[in-house]
Amino acid sequence: MKNRSAPARVDEGLSKTRGAWFGKVARLFTEPKIEPELWDDLEDALIGSDVGIDLSEELIQRTRDRIRKEGLARSTQVRDVLVDELATILQGSVDHPTETPRSAKPEIILVVGVNGSGKTTTIAKIARSHLQADRTVLLTAADTFRAAAIEQLQHWGQRLKVDVIAHQSGADPGAVVFDSVRAAEARGVDVLIVDTAGRLHTKSNLMEELKKIRRVITRALPEALVRVLLVLDATTGQNGLLQAREFLKTVDVDELVLSKLDGTSKGGIALAVARELAIPITYVGFGEGIDDLAEFDPVSFASALVG
């Protein structure tokens, strides 16, 4: 996987969505003129891929308006305009986070998400990307509620040759995080990635634990740059939006990762997420391999979605 470009991975990862929903309109894009059924088929494809009814109708209307305004007549031009409109939605109203000056290492990435979202595997993939950029990495096993989570992160640490700070199962997550921040600071580590408990959005006590972890980080290293990254399982579709809303009530989320896009025909959920949450999608994940992660690019994603 690692030898292929990011756009190629995105294109392959969205093959289920494209095949299931946009395949039937592909032939209409090759017609010399715009056929009337193109618009209905496009709207059906968008709705079927989990874009949502209202947003799908809006996208079709915006595309038709531009076609008329710009005097376009070829079906291939409909595709180009639609891709442009999709990319605009995916870009969202919030710029991607940029590196800000800070007086202390490490940069801290606090990774949150429900059990089964692919959170721990995503952490390993992000760590890999930083290592490939010649940045030093330390991992924190702060999901102490589940012994298997600690072991899973330690397994990835061994594969990546990255140290993992961990306590025993059932330990106070705040204490693990505090020790990790101190260790990362003492070692001059560039990036500290913290795995948190896979907390269901209905478990208020676990959500409060997340707030506590954030306070611990602030107390241990006030100058550190902290980013909160929420991992959403793309296969959950609209339910992922519900989970995200609940997380946003508890903690400020800076970035999103959409995982498991290769396992769903509902890849259009990325548009619904971008529109409703207005939080940057920074990565998309495809598969379980360590290199099955790509930086999110709205244009490449939109083009791969439509095909």
C-alpha atoms as a PDB file:
ATOM      1  CA  MET A   1       0.000   0.000   0.000  1.00  0.00           C
ATOM      2  CA  LYS A   2       2.732   2.457   0.898  1.00  0.00           C
ATOM      3  CA  ASN A   3       4.074   2.563  -2.654  1.00  0.00           C
ATOM      4  CA  ARG A   4       0.830   3.980  -4.014  1.00  0.00           C
ATOM      5  CA  SER A   5      -0.032   7.666  -3.980  1.00  0.00           C
ATOM      6  CA  ALA A   6      -2.614   9.103  -1.602  1.00  0.00           C
ATOM      7  CA  PRO A   7      -5.085   9.834  -4.439  1.00  0.00           C
ATOM      8  CA  ALA A   8      -4.779   6.215  -5.599  1.00  0.00           C
ATOM      9  CA  ARG A   9      -5.556   4.964  -2.084  1.00  0.00           C
ATOM     10  CA  VAL A  10      -8.545   7.283  -1.825  1.00  0.00           C
ATOM     11  CA  ASP A  11      -9.801   6.147  -5.218  1.00  0.00           C
ATOM     12  CA  GLU A  12      -9.545   2.481  -4.242  1.00  0.00           C
ATOM     13  CA  GLY A  13     -11.011   3.096  -0.808  1.00  0.00           C
ATOM     14  CA  LEU A  14     -14.134   4.677  -2.270  1.00  0.00           C
ATOM     15  CA  SER A  15     -14.660   1.958  -4.860  1.00  0.00           C
ATOM     16  CA  LYS A  16     -17.627   0.449  -2.982  1.00  0.00           C
ATOM     17  CA  THR A  17     -19.442   3.760  -2.776  1.00  0.00           C
ATOM     18  CA  ARG A  18     -18.677   4.647  -6.363  1.00  0.00           C
ATOM     19  CA  GLY A  19     -19.685   1.234  -7.673  1.00  0.00           C
ATOM     20  CA  ALA A  20     -22.904   1.018  -5.680  1.00  0.00           C
ATOM     21  CA  TRP A  21     -24.253   4.512  -6.267  1.00  0.00           C
ATOM     22  CA  PHE A  22     -22.437   6.402  -9.000  1.00  0.00           C
ATOM     23  CA  GLY A  23     -21.831   3.529 -11.402  1.00  0.00           C
ATOM     24  CA  LYS A  24     -25.218   3.916 -13.063  1.00  0.00           C
ATOM     25  CA  VAL A  25     -24.611   7.580 -13.898  1.00  0.00           C
ATOM     26  CA  ALA A  26     -21.132   7.008 -15.298  1.00  0.00           C
ATOM     27  CA  ARG A  27     -22.488   6.304 -18.780  1.00  0.00           C
ATOM     28  CA  LEU A  28     -24.528   9.526 -18.674  1.00  0.00           C
ATOM     29  CA  PHE A  29     -21.322  11.480 -18.162  1.00  0.00           C
ATOM     30  CA  THR A  30     -20.128  10.154 -21.526  1.00  0.00           C
ATOM     31  CA  GLU A  31     -23.161  11.344 -23.465  1.00  0.00           C
ATOM     32  CA  PRO A  32     -22.521  14.288 -25.823  1.00  0.00           C
ATOM     33  CA  LYS A  33     -25.289  16.318 -24.205  1.00  0.00           C
ATOM     34  CA  ILE A  34     -26.935  16.532 -20.815  1.00  0.00           C
ATOM     35  CA  GLU A  35     -29.734  13.956 -20.599  1.00  0.00           C
ATOM     36  CA  PRO A  36     -32.763  14.837 -18.401  1.00  0.00           C
ATOM     37  CA  GLU A  37     -32.406  11.665 -16.307  1.00  0.00           C
ATOM     38  CA  LEU A  38     -28.887  12.657 -15.274  1.00  0.00           C
ATOM     39  CA  TRP A  39     -30.157  14.967 -12.556  1.00  0.00           C
ATOM     40  CA  ASP A  40     -32.471  12.418 -10.933  1.00  0.00           C
ATOM     41  CA  ASP A  41     -29.827   9.712 -11.090  1.00  0.00           C
ATOM     42  CA  LEU A  42     -27.231  12.014  -9.556  1.00  0.00           C
ATOM     43  CA  GLU A  43     -29.532  12.974  -6.718  1.00  0.00           C
ATOM     44  CA  ASP A  44     -30.356   9.305  -6.054  1.00  0.00           C
ATOM     45  CA  ALA A  45     -26.637   8.487  -6.004  1.00  0.00           C
ATOM     46  CA  LEU A  46     -25.870  11.246  -3.515  1.00  0.00           C
ATOM     47  CA  ILE A  47     -28.720  10.272  -1.200  1.00  0.00           C
ATOM     48  CA  GLY A  48     -27.821   6.586  -1.443  1.00  0.00           C
ATOM     49  CA  SER A  49     -24.208   7.260  -0.495  1.00  0.00           C
ATOM     50  CA  ASP A  50     -25.378   8.914   2.762  1.00  0.00           C
ATOM     51  CA  VAL A  51     -24.859  12.540   1.820  1.00  0.00           C
ATOM     52  CA  GLY A  52     -28.335  13.265   3.212  1.00  0.00           C
ATOM     53  CA  ILE A  53     -31.515  14.368   1.454  1.00  0.00           C
ATOM     54  CA  ASP A  54     -31.306  18.114   2.067  1.00  0.00           C
ATOM     55  CA  LEU A  55     -27.636  18.412   1.161  1.00  0.00           C
ATOM     56  CA  SER A  56     -28.095  16.218  -1.920  1.00  0.00           C
ATOM     57  CA  GLU A  57     -30.908  18.461  -3.168  1.00  0.00           C
ATOM     58  CA  GLU A  58     -28.781  21.530  -2.483  1.00  0.00           C
ATOM     59  CA  LEU A  59     -25.804  20.122  -4.390  1.00  0.00           C
ATOM     60  CA  ILE A  60     -27.928  19.241  -7.407  1.00  0.00           C
ATOM     61  CA  GLN A  61     -29.497  22.695  -7.417  1.00  0.00           C
ATOM     62  CA  ARG A  62     -26.131  24.436  -7.124  1.00  0.00           C
ATOM     63  CA  THR A  63     -24.751  22.299  -9.943  1.00  0.00           C
ATOM     64  CA  ARG A  64     -27.726  23.002 -12.216  1.00  0.00           C
ATOM     65  CA  ASP A  65     -27.549  26.716 -11.480  1.00  0.00           C
ATOM     66  CA  ARG A  66     -23.887  26.837 -12.453  1.00  0.00           C
ATOM     67  CA  ILE A  67     -24.513  24.844 -15.614  1.00  0.00           C
ATOM     68  CA  ARG A  68     -27.130  27.394 -16.687  1.00  0.00           C
ATOM     69  CA  LYS A  69     -25.156  30.447 -15.595  1.00  0.00           C
ATOM     70  CA  GLU A  70     -21.961  29.308 -17.317  1.00  0.00           C
ATOM     71  CA  GLY A  71     -23.752  28.164 -20.460  1.00  0.00           C
ATOM     72  CA  LEU A  72     -22.432  24.594 -20.296  1.00  0.00           C
ATOM     73  CA  ALA A  73     -24.002  21.869 -22.407  1.00  0.00           C
ATOM     74  CA  ARG A  74     -21.849  18.735 -22.187  1.00  0.00           C
ATOM     75  CA  SER A  75     -22.448  15.969 -19.649  1.00  0.00           C
ATOM     76  CA  THR A  76     -18.728  15.802 -18.838  1.00  0.00           C
ATOM     77  CA  GLN A  77     -18.981  19.402 -17.683  1.00  0.00           C
ATOM     78  CA  VAL A  78     -21.734  18.396 -15.244  1.00  0.00           C
ATOM     79  CA  ARG A  79     -19.307  15.999 -13.603  1.00  0.00           C
ATOM     80  CA  ASP A  80     -16.606  18.660 -13.328  1.00  0.00           C
ATOM     81  CA  VAL A  81     -18.992  21.179 -11.770  1.00  0.00           C
ATOM     82  CA  LEU A  82     -20.386  18.583  -9.361  1.00  0.00           C
ATOM     83  CA  VAL A  83     -16.882  17.598  -8.233  1.00  0.00           C
ATOM     84  CA  ASP A  84     -16.101  21.268  -7.655  1.00  0.00           C
ATOM     85  CA  GLU A  85     -19.266  21.723  -5.572  1.00  0.00           C
ATOM     86  CA  LEU A  86     -18.539  18.566  -3.551  1.00  0.00           C
ATOM     87  CA  ALA A  87     -15.001  19.771  -2.867  1.00  0.00           C
ATOM     88  CA  THR A  88     -16.342  23.121  -1.666  1.00  0.00           C
ATOM     89  CA  ILE A  89     -18.551  21.362   0.893  1.00  0.00           C
ATOM     90  CA  LEU A  90     -15.727  19.070   1.965  1.00  0.00           C
ATOM     91  CA  GLN A  91     -13.388  21.986   2.496  1.00  0.00           C
ATOM     92  CA  GLY A  92     -15.860  23.296   5.055  1.00  0.00           C
ATOM     93  CA  SER A  93     -15.846  26.666   6.746  1.00  0.00           C
ATOM     94  CA  VAL A  94     -12.879  25.892   8.975  1.00  0.00           C
ATOM     95  CA  ASP A  95      -9.315  25.929   7.743  1.00  0.00           C
ATOM     96  CA  HIS A  96      -7.091  22.985   8.467  1.00  0.00           C
ATOM     97  CA  PRO A  97      -5.066  23.529  11.641  1.00  0.00           C
ATOM     98  CA  THR A  98      -1.640  24.985  11.132  1.00  0.00           C
ATOM     99  CA  GLU A  99       1.473  24.680  13.227  1.00  0.00           C
ATOM    100  CA  THR A 100       1.541  27.511  15.745  1.00  0.00           C
ATOM    101  CA  PRO A 101       4.621  28.787  17.583  1.00  0.00           C
ATOM    102  CA  ARG A 102       5.055  27.202  20.974  1.00  0.00           C
ATOM    103  CA  SER A 103       7.740  27.157  23.617  1.00  0.00           C
ATOM    104  CA  ALA A 104       7.466  23.532  24.673  1.00  0.00           C
ATOM    105  CA  LYS A 105       7.622  20.096  23.136  1.00  0.00           C
ATOM    106  CA  PRO A 106       5.836  17.809  22.558  1.00  0.00           C
ATOM    107  CA  GLU A 107       2.896  18.474  20.310  1.00  0.00           C
ATOM    108  CA  ILE A 108       0.141  16.446  21.962  1.00  0.00           C
ATOM    109  CA  ILE A 109      -2.547  14.648  19.966  1.00  0.00           C
ATOM    110  CA  LEU A 110      -5.436  13.469  22.120  1.00  0.00           C
ATOM    111  CA  VAL A 111      -7.331  10.787  20.184  1.00  0.00           C
ATOM    112  CA  VAL A 112     -10.968  10.127  21.080  1.00  0.00           C
ATOM    113  CA  GLY A 113     -13.717   7.922  19.693  1.00  0.00           C
ATOM    114  CA  VAL A 114     -16.043   5.068  20.543  1.00  0.00           C
ATOM    115  CA  ASN A 115     -14.991   1.444  20.823  1.00  0.00           C
ATOM    116  CA  GLY A 116     -14.705  -0.208  17.438  1.00  0.00           C
ATOM    117  CA  SER A 117     -14.134   3.001  15.505  1.00  0.00           C
ATOM    118  CA  GLY A 118     -10.575   1.997  14.605  1.00  0.00           C
ATOM    119  CA  LYS A 119      -9.114   4.491  17.065  1.00  0.00           C
ATOM    120  CA  THR A 120      -6.053   2.559  18.213  1.00  0.00           C
ATOM    121  CA  THR A 121      -5.143   1.421  14.712  1.00  0.00           C
ATOM    122  CA  THR A 122      -5.529   5.006  13.510  1.00  0.00           C
ATOM    123  CA  ILE A 123      -3.119   6.126  16.225  1.00  0.00           C
ATOM    124  CA  ALA A 124      -0.528   3.705  14.869  1.00  0.00           C
ATOM    125  CA  LYS A 125      -1.068   5.010  11.326  1.00  0.00           C
ATOM    126  CA  ILE A 126      -0.653   8.629  12.451  1.00  0.00           C
ATOM    127  CA  ALA A 127       2.460   7.722  14.394  1.00  0.00           C
ATOM    128  CA  ARG A 128       3.839   6.093  11.265  1.00  0.00           C
ATOM    129  CA  SER A 129       3.239   9.249   9.220  1.00  0.00           C
ATOM    130  CA  HIS A 130       5.131  11.363  11.774  1.00  0.00           C
ATOM    131  CA  LEU A 131       8.007   8.879  11.873  1.00  0.00           C
ATOM    132  CA  GLN A 132       8.244   9.035   8.084  1.00  0.00           C
ATOM    133  CA  ALA A 133       8.548  12.821   8.464  1.00  0.00           C
ATOM    134  CA  ASP A 134      11.556  12.263  10.788  1.00  0.00           C
ATOM    135  CA  ARG A 135       9.669  13.306  13.916  1.00  0.00           C
ATOM    136  CA  THR A 136      10.100  11.427  17.181  1.00  0.00           C
ATOM    137  CA  VAL A 137       6.957   9.894  18.669  1.00  0.00           C
ATOM    138  CA  LEU A 138       5.812   8.618  22.070  1.00  0.00           C
ATOM    139  CA  LEU A 139       2.525   6.777  22.624  1.00  0.00           C
ATOM    140  CA  THR A 140       0.298   6.831  25.717  1.00  0.00           C
ATOM    141  CA  ALA A 141      -1.981   3.939  26.680  1.00  0.00           C
ATOM    142  CA  ALA A 142      -4.594   5.949  28.575  1.00  0.00           C
ATOM    143  CA  ASP A 143      -7.397   3.524  27.713  1.00  0.00           C
ATOM    144  CA  THR A 144      -6.984   1.751  31.038  1.00  0.00           C
ATOM    145  CA  PHE A 145     -10.572   0.503  31.205  1.00  0.00           C
ATOM    146  CA  ARG A 146      -9.803  -2.277  28.748  1.00  0.00           C
ATOM    147  CA  ALA A 147      -6.643  -4.362  29.171  1.00  0.00           C
ATOM    148  CA  ALA A 148      -6.724  -5.420  25.535  1.00  0.00           C
ATOM    149  CA  ALA A 149      -6.454  -1.774  24.482  1.00  0.00           C
ATOM    150  CA  ILE A 150      -3.154  -1.415  26.343  1.00  0.00           C
ATOM    151  CA  GLU A 151      -1.813  -4.580  24.771  1.00  0.00           C
ATOM    152  CA  GLN A 152      -2.947  -3.517  21.315  1.00  0.00           C
ATOM    153  CA  LEU A 153      -1.146  -0.177  21.567  1.00  0.00           C
ATOM    154  CA  GLN A 154       1.979  -1.889  22.935  1.00  0.00           C
ATOM    155  CA  HIS A 155       1.869  -4.260  19.973  1.00  0.00           C
ATOM    156  CA  TRP A 156       1.802  -1.327  17.568  1.00  0.00           C
ATOM    157  CA  GLY A 157       4.587   0.342  19.530  1.00  0.00           C
ATOM    158  CA  GLN A 158       6.776  -2.727  19.074  1.00  0.00           C
ATOM    159  CA  ARG A 159       6.070  -2.812  15.347  1.00  0.00           C
ATOM    160  CA  LEU A 160       6.858   0.882  14.992  1.00  0.00           C
ATOM    161  CA  LYS A 161       9.803   0.746  17.416  1.00  0.00           C
ATOM    162  CA  VAL A 162       8.129   3.498  19.454  1.00  0.00           C
ATOM    163  CA  ASP A 163       7.941   3.568  23.253  1.00  0.00           C
ATOM    164  CA  VAL A 164       4.546   3.275  24.918  1.00  0.00           C
ATOM    165  CA  ILE A 165       3.889   4.720  28.371  1.00  0.00           C
ATOM    166  CA  ALA A 166       1.419   2.454  30.160  1.00  0.00           C
ATOM    167  CA  HIS A 167       0.248   1.581  33.684  1.00  0.00           C
ATOM    168  CA  GLN A 168      -1.691  -1.452  34.787  1.00  0.00           C
ATOM    169  CA  SER A 169      -5.226  -2.093  33.601  1.00  0.00           C
ATOM    170  CA  GLY A 170      -7.668  -0.081  35.676  1.00  0.00           C
ATOM    171  CA  ALA A 171      -5.153   2.635  36.555  1.00  0.00           C
ATOM    172  CA  ASP A 172      -6.114   6.296  36.620  1.00  0.00           C
ATOM    173  CA  PRO A 173      -5.913   7.540  32.991  1.00  0.00           C
ATOM    174  CA  GLY A 174      -4.983  11.006  34.242  1.00  0.00           C
ATOM    175  CA  ALA A 175      -1.933   9.593  35.995  1.00  0.00           C
ATOM    176  CA  VAL A 176      -0.827   7.783  32.842  1.00  0.00           C
ATOM    177  CA  VAL A 177      -1.167  10.960  30.818  1.00  0.00           C
ATOM    178  CA  PHE A 178       0.698  13.036  33.401  1.00  0.00           C
ATOM    179  CA  ASP A 179       3.623  10.592  33.391  1.00  0.00           C
ATOM    180  CA  SER A 180       3.606  10.540  29.586  1.00  0.00           C
ATOM    181  CA  VAL A 181       3.747  14.317  29.269  1.00  0.00           C
ATOM    182  CA  ARG A 182       6.632  14.489  31.714  1.00  0.00           C
ATOM    183  CA  ALA A 183       8.485  11.695  29.904  1.00  0.00           C
ATOM    184  CA  ALA A 184       7.926  13.268  26.486  1.00  0.00           C
ATOM    185  CA  GLU A 185       9.150  16.637  27.744  1.00  0.00           C
ATOM    186  CA  ALA A 186      12.258  15.133  29.339  1.00  0.00           C
ATOM    187  CA  ARG A 187      13.137  13.189  26.182  1.00  0.00           C
ATOM    188  CA  GLY A 188      12.484  16.082  23.819  1.00  0.00           C
ATOM    189  CA  VAL A 189       9.915  14.060  21.890  1.00  0.00           C
ATOM    190  CA  ASP A 190       8.243  15.853  18.981  1.00  0.00           C
ATOM    191  CA  VAL A 191       4.815  14.209  19.132  1.00  0.00           C
ATOM    192  CA  LEU A 192       2.930  12.568  21.995  1.00  0.00           C
ATOM    193  CA  ILE A 193      -0.159  10.623  20.886  1.00  0.00           C
ATOM    194  CA  VAL A 194      -2.638   9.719  23.618  1.00  0.00           C
ATOM    195  CA  ASP A 195      -5.071   6.819  23.278  1.00  0.00           C
ATOM    196  CA  THR A 196      -8.175   7.375  25.402  1.00  0.00           C
ATOM    197  CA  ALA A 197     -10.917   4.973  26.500  1.00  0.00           C
ATOM    198  CA  GLY A 198     -13.355   4.032  23.771  1.00  0.00           C
ATOM    199  CA  ARG A 199     -16.139   5.933  25.394  1.00  0.00           C
ATOM    200  CA  LEU A 200     -19.712   5.576  24.285  1.00  0.00           C
ATOM    201  CA  HIS A 201     -21.320   8.962  23.896  1.00  0.00           C
ATOM    202  CA  THR A 202     -24.016   7.871  26.390  1.00  0.00           C
ATOM    203  CA  LYS A 203     -21.493   7.181  29.179  1.00  0.00           C
ATOM    204  CA  SER A 204     -21.323  10.530  30.950  1.00  0.00           C
ATOM    205  CA  ASN A 205     -18.717   9.383  33.483  1.00  0.00           C
ATOM    206  CA  LEU A 206     -16.311   8.418  30.717  1.00  0.00           C
ATOM    207  CA  MET A 207     -16.904  11.693  28.938  1.00  0.00           C
ATOM    208  CA  GLU A 208     -16.048  13.494  32.167  1.00  0.00           C
ATOM    209  CA  GLU A 209     -12.827  11.472  32.321  1.00  0.00           C
ATOM    210  CA  LEU A 210     -11.909  12.957  28.969  1.00  0.00           C
ATOM    211  CA  LYS A 211     -12.295  16.463  30.391  1.00  0.00           C
ATOM    212  CA  LYS A 212     -10.056  15.461  33.283  1.00  0.00           C
ATOM    213  CA  ILE A 213      -7.331  14.225  30.926  1.00  0.00           C
ATOM    214  CA  ARG A 214      -7.376  17.563  29.135  1.00  0.00           C
ATOM    215  CA  ARG A 215      -6.981  19.377  32.466  1.00  0.00           C
ATOM    216  CA  VAL A 216      -4.074  17.119  33.425  1.00  0.00           C
ATOM    217  CA  ILE A 217      -2.258  17.961  30.197  1.00  0.00           C
ATOM    218  CA  THR A 218      -2.770  21.674  30.749  1.00  0.00           C
ATOM    219  CA  ARG A 219      -1.471  21.428  34.295  1.00  0.00           C
ATOM    220  CA  ALA A 220       1.549  19.302  33.348  1.00  0.00           C
ATOM    221  CA  LEU A 221       2.636  21.389  30.355  1.00  0.00           C
ATOM    222  CA  PRO A 222       0.673  24.638  29.886  1.00  0.00           C
ATOM    223  CA  GLU A 223       2.706  25.714  26.841  1.00  0.00           C
ATOM    224  CA  ALA A 224       2.094  22.560  24.816  1.00  0.00           C
ATOM    225  CA  LEU A 225       0.059  22.560  21.628  1.00  0.00           C
ATOM    226  CA  VAL A 226      -2.829  20.123  22.171  1.00  0.00           C
ATOM    227  CA  ARG A 227      -5.017  18.859  19.338  1.00  0.00           C
ATOM    228  CA  VAL A 228      -8.087  16.712  19.910  1.00  0.00           C
ATOM    229  CA  LEU A 229      -8.705  14.282  17.079  1.00  0.00           C
ATOM    230  CA  LEU A 230     -12.003  12.404  16.827  1.00  0.00           C
ATOM    231  CA  VAL A 231     -12.064   9.100  14.945  1.00  0.00           C
ATOM    232  CA  LEU A 232     -15.387   8.355  13.251  1.00  0.00           C
ATOM    233  CA  ASP A 233     -16.197   4.961  11.762  1.00  0.00           C
ATOM    234  CA  ALA A 234     -17.514   5.701   8.261  1.00  0.00           C
ATOM    235  CA  THR A 235     -19.484   2.431   8.234  1.00  0.00           C
ATOM    236  CA  THR A 236     -21.789   3.804  10.951  1.00  0.00           C
ATOM    237  CA  GLY A 237     -23.093   6.469   8.576  1.00  0.00           C
ATOM    238  CA  GLN A 238     -25.435   9.016  10.099  1.00  0.00           C
ATOM    239  CA  ASN A 239     -24.982   7.466  13.556  1.00  0.00           C
ATOM    240  CA  GLY A 240     -21.422   8.764  13.434  1.00  0.00           C
ATOM    241  CA  LEU A 241     -22.829  12.279  13.298  1.00  0.00           C
ATOM    242  CA  LEU A 242     -24.812  11.595  16.477  1.00  0.00           C
ATOM    243  CA  GLN A 243     -21.656  10.412  18.234  1.00  0.00           C
ATOM    244  CA  ALA A 244     -19.731  13.458  17.068  1.00  0.00           C
ATOM    245  CA  ARG A 245     -22.403  15.848  18.346  1.00  0.00           C
ATOM    246  CA  GLU A 246     -22.172  14.301  21.817  1.00  0.00           C
ATOM    247  CA  PHE A 247     -18.379  14.510  21.861  1.00  0.00           C
ATOM    248  CA  LEU A 248     -18.565  18.163  20.910  1.00  0.00           C
ATOM    249  CA  LYS A 249     -20.702  18.830  23.981  1.00  0.00           C
ATOM    250  CA  THR A 250     -17.856  17.614  26.174  1.00  0.00           C
ATOM    251  CA  VAL A 251     -14.611  18.566  24.486  1.00  0.00           C
ATOM    252  CA  ASP A 252     -13.421  20.906  21.754  1.00  0.00           C
ATOM    253  CA  VAL A 253     -12.594  18.691  18.779  1.00  0.00           C
ATOM    254  CA  ASP A 254      -9.985  20.121  16.417  1.00  0.00           C
ATOM    255  CA  GLU A 255      -9.855  17.473  13.704  1.00  0.00           C
ATOM    256  CA  LEU A 256     -11.667  14.433  12.369  1.00  0.00           C
ATOM    257  CA  VAL A 257     -10.501  11.128  10.946  1.00  0.00           C
ATOM    258  CA  LEU A 258     -12.901   9.029   8.899  1.00  0.00           C
ATOM    259  CA  SER A 259     -11.878   5.389   9.275  1.00  0.00           C
ATOM    260  CA  LYS A 260     -12.947   2.221   7.424  1.00  0.00           C
ATOM    261  CA  LEU A 261     -14.021   4.020   4.255  1.00  0.00           C
ATOM    262  CA  ASP A 262     -13.041   0.940   2.278  1.00  0.00           C
ATOM    263  CA  GLY A 263     -15.681  -1.095   4.117  1.00  0.00           C
ATOM    264  CA  THR A 264     -18.746   0.956   3.251  1.00  0.00           C
ATOM    265  CA  SER A 265     -20.823   2.002   0.266  1.00  0.00           C
ATOM    266  CA  LYS A 266     -21.788   5.145   2.208  1.00  0.00           C
ATOM    267  CA  GLY A 267     -18.673   7.237   1.613  1.00  0.00           C
ATOM    268  CA  GLY A 268     -20.854  10.273   1.060  1.00  0.00           C
ATOM    269  CA  ILE A 269     -21.092  10.578   4.840  1.00  0.00           C
ATOM    270  CA  ALA A 270     -17.924  12.686   4.577  1.00  0.00           C
ATOM    271  CA  LEU A 271     -19.999  15.478   3.043  1.00  0.00           C
ATOM    272  CA  ALA A 272     -22.633  15.327   5.770  1.00  0.00           C
ATOM    273  CA  VAL A 273     -19.887  15.411   8.407  1.00  0.00           C
ATOM    274  CA  ALA A 274     -18.114  18.350   6.778  1.00  0.00           C
ATOM    275  CA  ARG A 275     -21.315  20.362   6.372  1.00  0.00           C
ATOM    276  CA  GLU A 276     -22.801  19.805   9.818  1.00  0.00           C
ATOM    277  CA  LEU A 277     -19.733  19.796  12.052  1.00  0.00           C
ATOM    278  CA  ALA A 278     -17.542  22.372  10.278  1.00  0.00           C
ATOM    279  CA  ILE A 279     -14.462  20.609  11.660  1.00  0.00           C
ATOM    280  CA  PRO A 280     -11.572  19.742   9.343  1.00  0.00           C
ATOM    281  CA  ILE A 281     -11.248  16.167   8.160  1.00  0.00           C
ATOM    282  CA  THR A 282      -7.499  15.680   8.197  1.00  0.00           C
ATOM    283  CA  TYR A 283      -7.142  11.961   7.475  1.00  0.00           C
ATOM    284  CA  VAL A 284      -9.121   9.151   5.860  1.00  0.00           C
ATOM    285  CA  GLY A 285      -8.415   5.519   6.667  1.00  0.00           C
ATOM    286  CA  PHE A 286      -8.731   2.502   4.383  1.00  0.00           C
ATOM    287  CA  GLY A 287      -8.085  -0.949   5.824  1.00  0.00           C
ATOM    288  CA  GLU A 288      -6.007  -2.288   8.699  1.00  0.00           C
ATOM    289  CA  GLY A 289      -2.519  -1.870   7.232  1.00  0.00           C
ATOM    290  CA  ILE A 290      -0.092   0.550   8.837  1.00  0.00           C
ATOM    291  CA  ASP A 291       0.063   2.602   5.631  1.00  0.00           C
ATOM    292  CA  ASP A 292      -3.683   2.571   4.976  1.00  0.00           C
ATOM    293  CA  LEU A 293      -4.086   6.231   5.833  1.00  0.00           C
ATOM    294  CA  ALA A 294      -4.120   9.286   3.595  1.00  0.00           C
ATOM    295  CA  GLU A 295      -4.172  12.984   4.258  1.00  0.00           C
ATOM    296  CA  PHE A 296      -7.565  14.303   3.320  1.00  0.00           C
ATOM    297  CA  ASP A 297      -7.756  16.315   0.123  1.00  0.00           C
ATOM    298  CA  PRO A 298     -11.238  17.594  -0.802  1.00  0.00           C
ATOM    299  CA  VAL A 299     -10.680  17.616  -4.571  1.00  0.00           C
ATOM    300  CA  SER A 300      -9.184  14.121  -4.719  1.00  0.00           C
ATOM    301  CA  PHE A 301     -11.944  12.782  -2.481  1.00  0.00           C
ATOM    302  CA  ALA A 302     -14.734  14.418  -4.496  1.00  0.00           C
ATOM    303  CA  SER A 303     -13.288  13.174  -7.785  1.00  0.00           C
ATOM    304  CA  ALA A 304     -12.871   9.628  -6.442  1.00  0.00           C
ATOM    305  CA  LEU A 305     -16.390   9.634  -5.031  1.00  0.00           C
ATOM    306  CA  VAL A 306     -18.041  10.459  -8.349  1.00  0.00           C
ATOM    307  CA  GLY A 307     -15.582   8.498 -10.475  1.00  0.00           C
END
